[in-house]
C-alpha cells in the first residue's frame, strides 16, 4: 500500500468515526416533565416543557401557572443543556437559569431562582423525564 493510500484510508476512517459520534449524540427534542419543589417545603408542582433541537439551535417553552414561557439563552452541546426562563408576575420579573446533562430520556441538573428574601439565588436539583409518545397524547 502506498503512503497516499494510507492517508486516504486514515482520512476515511476518521470521517466515519466523527459521523458515528454525531449519530449517537443525544437529542433533547421532545416533551419533558418533572416535579418542581414547592417553596418553603411546600408540596411540589408538576412541570412540563417542550424542547426542539434543529440545525444546532435549541428552542422550547416551559409551562407555568400563567401559560407557556419561551426559553432563552439556550444551548446544547455534548449532552450539556442550559437555558433560562423569565416570567413576570405583577410588578416582579424573575429569571430562572437551568443547567443539566442529557442521559437518554432523562435530564439531570440544577436550576437557580431568585431568593424571595433578597439574598443569594437558591439552587434546586432538577430531574426531568422525557414523555413517551403514547403518554404525550394524554
Protein backbone atom coordinates (compact mmCIF):
# COMPACT_ATOMS: atom_id res chain seq x y z
CA UNK A 1 0.00 0.00 0.00
CA UNK A 2 1.34 3.42 -0.88
CA UNK A 3 1.64 6.34 1.52
CA UNK A 4 -1.12 8.20 -0.36
CA UNK A 5 -3.45 5.20 0.01
CA UNK A 6 -2.72 5.01 3.74
CA UNK A 7 -3.53 8.73 4.16
CA UNK A 8 -6.76 8.32 2.21
CA UNK A 9 -7.74 5.31 4.30
CA UNK A 10 -6.91 7.15 7.56
CA UNK A 11 -8.96 10.15 6.47
CA UNK A 12 -11.93 7.94 5.58
CA UNK A 13 -11.76 6.10 8.91
CA UNK A 14 -11.57 9.42 10.77
CA UNK A 15 -14.61 10.75 8.92
CA UNK A 16 -16.62 7.60 9.71
CA UNK A 17 -15.70 7.91 13.40
CA UNK A 18 -16.82 11.54 13.52
CA UNK A 19 -20.11 10.68 11.84
CA UNK A 20 -20.67 7.80 14.26
CA UNK A 21 -20.14 10.09 17.26
CA UNK A 22 -22.57 12.63 15.83
CA UNK A 23 -25.14 9.91 15.19
CA UNK A 24 -25.00 8.77 18.82
CA UNK A 25 -25.11 12.27 20.34
CA UNK A 26 -28.24 12.87 22.39
CA UNK A 27 -31.18 14.89 21.19
CA UNK A 28 -33.28 16.76 23.77
CA UNK A 29 -36.21 17.19 21.37
CA UNK A 30 -39.48 16.19 22.99
CA UNK A 31 -41.80 16.81 25.91
CA UNK A 32 -40.32 16.64 29.41
CA UNK A 33 -41.91 16.55 32.87
CA UNK A 34 -40.70 16.88 36.44
CA UNK A 35 -42.00 17.97 39.83
CA UNK A 36 -40.77 21.40 40.83
CA UNK A 37 -40.22 21.56 44.60
CA UNK A 38 -42.54 23.86 46.49
CA UNK A 39 -41.17 26.91 48.23
CA UNK A 40 -40.54 26.61 51.93
CA UNK A 41 -41.03 22.84 51.88
CA UNK A 42 -44.50 23.10 50.34
CA UNK A 43 -45.88 20.46 48.00
CA UNK A 44 -44.22 20.09 44.63
CA UNK A 45 -45.86 21.19 41.39
CA UNK A 46 -45.84 19.11 38.18
CA UNK A 47 -44.00 20.98 35.42
CA UNK A 48 -43.83 20.35 31.68
CA UNK A 49 -41.56 21.68 28.96
CA UNK A 50 -41.11 21.11 25.27
CA UNK A 51 -37.74 21.29 23.55
CA UNK A 52 -36.69 21.20 19.93
CA UNK A 53 -33.15 20.95 18.59
CA UNK A 54 -32.99 21.98 14.95
CA UNK A 55 -29.86 22.88 13.00
CA UNK A 56 -27.94 23.18 16.29
CA UNK A 57 -30.37 25.69 17.81
CA UNK A 58 -32.33 24.76 20.94
CA UNK A 59 -35.81 26.26 21.37
CA UNK A 60 -38.79 25.45 23.53
CA UNK A 61 -41.05 26.51 26.35
CA UNK A 62 -41.78 25.74 29.99
CA UNK A 63 -45.37 25.60 31.25
CA UNK A 64 -46.29 27.76 34.22
CA UNK A 65 -49.32 28.97 36.12
CA UNK A 66 -49.97 31.65 33.50
CA UNK A 67 -49.24 29.55 30.42
CA UNK A 68 -46.13 28.60 28.48
CA UNK A 69 -43.00 30.75 28.57
CA UNK A 70 -40.35 30.54 25.85
CA UNK A 71 -36.85 29.54 26.90
CA UNK A 72 -33.99 31.97 26.21
CA UNK A 73 -30.19 31.86 26.15
CA UNK A 74 -30.49 28.17 25.23
CA UNK A 75 -27.57 25.94 24.36
CA UNK A 76 -26.99 22.23 23.82
CA UNK A 77 -23.56 20.75 23.29
CA UNK A 78 -22.03 17.40 24.22
CA UNK A 79 -25.27 16.45 26.03
CA UNK A 80 -25.00 19.57 28.27
CA UNK A 81 -28.12 21.73 28.23
CA UNK A 82 -28.60 25.27 29.52
CA UNK A 83 -31.40 27.81 29.20
CA UNK A 84 -33.26 30.47 31.14
CA UNK A 85 -36.94 31.26 31.68
CA UNK A 86 -38.06 34.79 32.52
CA UNK A 87 -41.55 35.37 33.90
CA UNK A 88 -43.38 38.48 35.02
CA UNK A 89 -45.76 38.23 37.95
CA UNK A 90 -47.42 41.51 38.82
CA UNK A 91 -44.62 44.04 39.19
CA UNK A 92 -41.95 41.36 39.61
CA UNK A 93 -39.84 39.80 36.89
CA UNK A 94 -37.88 36.68 37.77
CA UNK A 95 -35.39 34.68 35.75
CA UNK A 96 -34.66 31.05 36.45
CA UNK A 97 -31.50 29.52 34.98
CA UNK A 98 -31.43 25.81 34.18
CA UNK A 99 -28.38 23.63 33.52
CA UNK A 100 -28.31 19.89 33.10
CA UNK A 101 -26.93 16.84 31.38
CA UNK A 102 -28.95 14.74 28.95
CA UNK A 103 -28.70 11.00 29.51
CA UNK A 104 -31.13 9.13 27.25
CA UNK A 105 -34.64 10.01 28.42
CA UNK A 106 -33.52 11.99 31.49
CA UNK A 107 -32.07 15.44 32.11
CA UNK A 108 -30.43 15.89 35.50
CA UNK A 109 -29.05 19.16 36.81
CA UNK A 110 -29.89 22.25 38.82
CA UNK A 111 -31.84 25.42 38.36
CA UNK A 112 -31.26 28.73 40.05
CA UNK A 113 -34.06 31.03 41.13
CA UNK A 114 -34.07 34.35 42.96
CA UNK A 115 -34.22 34.23 46.73
CA UNK A 116 -37.56 35.70 47.88
CA UNK A 117 -35.71 37.25 50.84
CA UNK A 118 -33.35 39.08 48.50
CA UNK A 119 -30.27 37.03 49.40
CA UNK A 120 -28.16 34.81 47.18
CA UNK A 121 -30.04 32.88 44.49
CA UNK A 122 -31.44 29.49 45.51
CA UNK A 123 -30.12 26.40 43.66
CA UNK A 124 -32.51 23.49 43.33
CA UNK A 125 -31.92 19.98 41.96
CA UNK A 126 -33.82 19.24 38.77
CA UNK A 127 -34.53 15.89 37.08
CA UNK A 128 -36.79 15.75 34.07
CA UNK A 129 -38.08 12.66 32.27
CA UNK A 130 -38.93 12.53 28.59
CA UNK A 131 -42.61 11.82 27.96
CA UNK A 132 -43.11 8.82 25.70
CA UNK A 133 -45.30 9.42 22.61
CA UNK A 134 -48.26 7.46 24.00
CA UNK A 135 -48.14 9.49 27.23
CA UNK A 136 -47.86 12.82 25.39
CA UNK A 137 -51.35 12.39 23.95
CA UNK A 138 -52.89 12.41 27.46
